[in-house]
C-alpha atoms as a PDB file:
ATOM      1  CA  UNK A   1      98.730 159.894  45.812  1.00  0.00           C
ATOM      2  CA  UNK A   2      96.443 156.854  45.837  1.00  0.00           C
ATOM      3  CA  UNK A   3      97.332 156.020  42.252  1.00  0.00           C
ATOM      4  CA  UNK A   4     101.078 156.374  42.855  1.00  0.00           C
ATOM      5  CA  UNK A   5     100.876 154.110  45.907  1.00  0.00           C
ATOM      6  CA  UNK A   6      99.114 151.290  44.041  1.00  0.00           C
ATOM      7  CA  UNK A   7     100.169 151.792  40.417  1.00  0.00           C
ATOM      8  CA  UNK A   8     102.813 149.594  38.864  1.00  0.00           C
ATOM      9  CA  UNK A   9     103.993 149.625  35.289  1.00  0.00           C
ATOM     10  CA  UNK A  10     105.800 146.299  35.493  1.00  0.00           C
ATOM     11  CA  UNK A  11     104.318 143.025  34.363  1.00  0.00           C
ATOM     12  CA  UNK A  12     103.705 139.660  35.905  1.00  0.00           C
ATOM     13  CA  UNK A  13     107.320 138.602  36.438  1.00  0.00           C
ATOM     14  CA  UNK A  14     107.730 140.895  39.471  1.00  0.00           C
ATOM     15  CA  UNK A  15     105.665 138.267  41.277  1.00  0.00           C
ATOM     16  CA  UNK A  16     108.884 136.229  41.540  1.00  0.00           C
ATOM     17  CA  UNK A  17     110.604 139.043  43.447  1.00  0.00           C
ATOM     18  CA  UNK A  18     107.531 139.487  45.668  1.00  0.00           C
ATOM     19  CA  UNK A  19     107.501 135.770  46.456  1.00  0.00           C
ATOM     20  CA  UNK A  20     111.233 135.736  47.223  1.00  0.00           C
ATOM     21  CA  UNK A  21     111.096 138.758  49.524  1.00  0.00           C
ATOM     22  CA  UNK A  22     107.688 138.094  51.057  1.00  0.00           C
ATOM     23  CA  UNK A  23     108.135 134.403  51.806  1.00  0.00           C
ATOM     24  CA  UNK A  24     111.559 134.916  53.380  1.00  0.00           C
ATOM     25  CA  UNK A  25     110.215 137.635  55.681  1.00  0.00           C
ATOM     26  CA  UNK A  26     107.094 135.609  56.487  1.00  0.00           C
ATOM     27  CA  UNK A  27     109.216 132.566  57.357  1.00  0.00           C
ATOM     28  CA  UNK A  28     111.716 134.549  59.425  1.00  0.00           C
ATOM     29  CA  UNK A  29     108.914 136.258  61.344  1.00  0.00           C
ATOM     30  CA  UNK A  30     107.256 132.949  62.182  1.00  0.00           C
ATOM     31  CA  UNK A  31     110.605 131.532  63.305  1.00  0.00           C
ATOM     32  CA  UNK A  32     111.083 134.420  65.749  1.00  0.00           C
ATOM     33  CA  UNK A  33     108.044 133.070  67.614  1.00  0.00           C
ATOM     34  CA  UNK A  34     108.811 129.351  67.158  1.00  0.00           C
ATOM     35  CA  UNK A  35     112.478 129.620  68.144  1.00  0.00           C
ATOM     36  CA  UNK A  36     112.795 132.784  70.261  1.00  0.00           C
ATOM     37  CA  UNK A  37     116.076 131.757  71.884  1.00  0.00           C
ATOM     38  CA  UNK A  38     117.921 131.503  68.561  1.00  0.00           C
ATOM     39  CA  UNK A  39     115.877 133.590  66.096  1.00  0.00           C
ATOM     40  CA  UNK A  40     114.062 136.177  68.233  1.00  0.00           C
ATOM     41  CA  UNK A  41     114.675 137.676  71.648  1.00  0.00           C
ATOM     42  CA  UNK A  42     117.703 135.475  72.360  1.00  0.00           C
ATOM     43  CA  UNK A  43     119.430 136.560  69.176  1.00  0.00           C
ATOM     44  CA  UNK A  44     118.624 140.214  69.819  1.00  0.00           C
ATOM     45  CA  UNK A  45     119.993 139.929  73.356  1.00  0.00           C
ATOM     46  CA  UNK A  46     123.170 138.245  72.052  1.00  0.00           C
ATOM     47  CA  UNK A  47     123.904 141.103  69.653  1.00  0.00           C
ATOM     48  CA  UNK A  48     123.194 143.703  72.338  1.00  0.00           C
ATOM     49  CA  UNK A  49     119.943 145.237  71.132  1.00  0.00           C
ATOM     50  CA  UNK A  50     117.811 146.886  73.827  1.00  0.00           C
ATOM     51  CA  UNK A  51     114.587 145.292  75.091  1.00  0.00           C
ATOM     52  CA  UNK A  52     115.165 141.988  73.273  1.00  0.00           C
ATOM     53  CA  UNK A  53     111.843 140.396  74.346  1.00  0.00           C
ATOM     54  CA  UNK A  54     109.800 143.312  73.036  1.00  0.00           C
ATOM     55  CA  UNK A  55     111.979 143.736  69.961  1.00  0.00           C
ATOM     56  CA  UNK A  56     111.811 140.040  69.033  1.00  0.00           C
ATOM     57  CA  UNK A  57     108.015 140.055  69.086  1.00  0.00           C
ATOM     58  CA  UNK A  58     107.798 143.474  67.427  1.00  0.00           C
ATOM     59  CA  UNK A  59     110.127 142.615  64.553  1.00  0.00           C
ATOM     60  CA  UNK A  60     108.635 139.137  64.174  1.00  0.00           C
ATOM     61  CA  UNK A  61     105.141 140.597  63.898  1.00  0.00           C
ATOM     62  CA  UNK A  62     106.226 143.106  61.270  1.00  0.00           C
ATOM     63  CA  UNK A  63     108.012 140.404  59.299  1.00  0.00           C
ATOM     64  CA  UNK A  64     104.899 138.214  59.284  1.00  0.00           C
ATOM     65  CA  UNK A  65     102.440 140.950  58.350  1.00  0.00           C
ATOM     66  CA  UNK A  66     104.685 142.688  55.828  1.00  0.00           C
ATOM     67  CA  UNK A  67     105.816 139.376  54.323  1.00  0.00           C
ATOM     68  CA  UNK A  68     102.204 138.337  53.818  1.00  0.00           C
ATOM     69  CA  UNK A  69     101.279 141.724  52.325  1.00  0.00           C
ATOM     70  CA  UNK A  70     104.246 141.541  49.945  1.00  0.00           C
ATOM     71  CA  UNK A  71     103.298 138.028  48.786  1.00  0.00           C
ATOM     72  CA  UNK A  72      99.721 139.160  48.163  1.00  0.00           C
ATOM     73  CA  UNK A  73     100.788 142.430  46.578  1.00  0.00           C
ATOM     74  CA  UNK A  74      98.718 144.386  49.095  1.00  0.00           C
ATOM     75  CA  UNK A  75      99.986 147.837  50.098  1.00  0.00           C
ATOM     76  CA  UNK A  76     103.294 146.627  48.726  1.00  0.00           C
ATOM     77  CA  UNK A  77     105.139 149.946  48.723  1.00  0.00           C
ATOM     78  CA  UNK A  78     104.157 150.543  52.347  1.00  0.00           C
ATOM     79  CA  UNK A  79     104.929 146.949  53.371  1.00  0.00           C
ATOM     80  CA  UNK A  80     108.511 147.134  52.132  1.00  0.00           C
ATOM     81  CA  UNK A  81     109.361 150.188  54.236  1.00  0.00           C
ATOM     82  CA  UNK A  82     109.659 148.118  57.454  1.00  0.00           C
ATOM     83  CA  UNK A  83     111.523 145.336  55.603  1.00  0.00           C
ATOM     84  CA  UNK A  84     114.079 147.851  54.326  1.00  0.00           C
ATOM     85  CA  UNK A  85     114.509 149.170  57.868  1.00  0.00           C
ATOM     86  CA  UNK A  86     114.834 145.654  59.305  1.00  0.00           C
ATOM     87  CA  UNK A  87     117.521 144.751  56.767  1.00  0.00           C
ATOM     88  CA  UNK A  88     119.489 147.954  57.331  1.00  0.00           C
ATOM     89  CA  UNK A  89     119.471 147.354  61.090  1.00  0.00           C
ATOM     90  CA  UNK A  90     120.483 143.710  60.565  1.00  0.00           C
ATOM     91  CA  UNK A  91     123.383 144.675  58.314  1.00  0.00           C
ATOM     92  CA  UNK A  92     124.626 147.455  60.604  1.00  0.00           C
ATOM     93  CA  UNK A  93     124.234 145.497  63.844  1.00  0.00           C
ATOM     94  CA  UNK A  94     125.424 142.048  62.753  1.00  0.00           C
ATOM     95  CA  UNK A  95     127.271 142.173  59.448  1.00  0.00           C
ATOM     96  CA  UNK A  96     129.388 145.321  59.685  1.00  0.00           C
ATOM     97  CA  UNK A  97     130.998 144.165  62.959  1.00  0.00           C
ATOM     98  CA  UNK A  98     132.001 140.974  61.127  1.00  0.00           C
ATOM     99  CA  UNK A  99     133.946 143.048  58.616  1.00  0.00           C
ATOM    100  CA  UNK A 100     136.518 144.127  61.208  1.00  0.00           C
ATOM    101  CA  UNK A 101     136.519 140.797  63.051  1.00  0.00           C
ATOM    102  CA  UNK A 102     136.427 138.226  60.245  1.00  0.00           C
ATOM    103  CA  UNK A 103     137.226 140.149  57.071  1.00  0.00           C
ATOM    104  CA  UNK A 104     135.339 141.024  53.926  1.00  0.00           C
ATOM    105  CA  UNK A 105     134.682 137.552  52.518  1.00  0.00           C
ATOM    106  CA  UNK A 106     133.239 136.136  55.726  1.00  0.00           C
ATOM    107  CA  UNK A 107     131.040 139.199  56.072  1.00  0.00           C
ATOM    108  CA  UNK A 108     129.978 139.037  52.405  1.00  0.00           C
ATOM    109  CA  UNK A 109     129.025 135.380  52.805  1.00  0.00           C
ATOM    110  CA  UNK A 110     127.017 136.008  55.973  1.00  0.00           C
ATOM    111  CA  UNK A 111     125.309 139.093  54.485  1.00  0.00           C
ATOM    112  CA  UNK A 112     124.153 137.537  51.213  1.00  0.00           C
ATOM    113  CA  UNK A 113     120.544 136.961  52.262  1.00  0.00           C
ATOM    114  CA  UNK A 114     120.312 140.323  54.043  1.00  0.00           C
ATOM    115  CA  UNK A 115     121.653 142.082  50.950  1.00  0.00           C
ATOM    116  CA  UNK A 116     119.266 140.222  48.631  1.00  0.00           C
ATOM    117  CA  UNK A 117     116.276 141.033  50.860  1.00  0.00           C
ATOM    118  CA  UNK A 118     117.325 144.684  51.075  1.00  0.00           C
ATOM    119  CA  UNK A 119     117.712 145.045  47.307  1.00  0.00           C
ATOM    120  CA  UNK A 120     114.516 143.088  46.624  1.00  0.00           C
ATOM    121  CA  UNK A 121     112.596 145.343  49.002  1.00  0.00           C
ATOM    122  CA  UNK A 122     114.058 148.491  47.429  1.00  0.00           C
ATOM    123  CA  UNK A 123     113.162 147.142  43.976  1.00  0.00           C
ATOM    124  CA  UNK A 124     109.537 146.639  45.045  1.00  0.00           C
ATOM    125  CA  UNK A 125     109.447 150.132  46.535  1.00  0.00           C
ATOM    126  CA  UNK A 126     110.593 151.573  43.200  1.00  0.00           C
ATOM    127  CA  UNK A 127     108.569 149.518  40.689  1.00  0.00           C
ATOM    128  CA  UNK A 128     105.566 148.419  42.739  1.00  0.00           C
ATOM    129  CA  UNK A 129     103.946 145.006  42.955  1.00  0.00           C
ATOM    130  CA  UNK A 130     103.279 144.262  39.292  1.00  0.00           C
ATOM    131  CA  UNK A 131     100.101 143.297  37.506  1.00  0.00           C
ATOM    132  CA  UNK A 132      99.469 140.096  39.507  1.00  0.00           C
ATOM    133  CA  UNK A 133      98.679 141.849  42.766  1.00  0.00           C
ATOM    134  CA  UNK A 134      95.851 143.135  44.894  1.00  0.00           C
ATOM    135  CA  UNK A 135      97.336 146.624  44.547  1.00  0.00           C
ATOM    136  CA  UNK A 136      96.958 146.386  40.765  1.00  0.00           C
ATOM    137  CA  UNK A 137      93.324 145.314  41.111  1.00  0.00           C
ATOM    138  CA  UNK A 138      92.671 148.211  43.518  1.00  0.00           C
ATOM    139  CA  UNK A 139      94.357 150.694  41.170  1.00  0.00           C
ATOM    140  CA  UNK A 140      92.234 149.440  38.264  1.00  0.00           C
ATOM    141  CA  UNK A 141      89.060 149.629  40.340  1.00  0.00           C
ATOM    142  CA  UNK A 142      89.948 153.170  41.490  1.00  0.00           C
ATOM    143  CA  UNK A 143      90.655 154.333  37.918  1.00  0.00           C
ATOM    144  CA  UNK A 144      87.363 152.804  36.698  1.00  0.00           C
ATOM    145  CA  UNK A 145      85.395 154.741  39.316  1.00  0.00           C
ATOM    146  CA  UNK A 146      86.934 158.122  38.442  1.00  0.00           C
END
């Protein structure tokens, strides 16, 4: 189990996907605390999510921690599970309603970042963090000790 969690057969280029996904989540999480009225609790209240104050801080915290872990390649497969959940909730709660109100192309335009973050997170779940990661170093260290 340990080996499967940390192992990754992909090379160094997956770092680009980790940086894209991780830095976007890190930035969005920080913004939920810097601009709560428009990016955090206020946004969650506007779209009708329950307990917007709690949810804004909760989601923001996960985005910061998971984004940082993804950038570092630390517990990458575990770190993308919350990001996948966050993106699915964002798409269902904000983008799908746009489909009936504004049509497909408006929804597709508004969902482009959400879709990219969702697919990037799923990609990292499948292939792992790559060879330039803390996970890779931990997997190598674990295999050397066995």
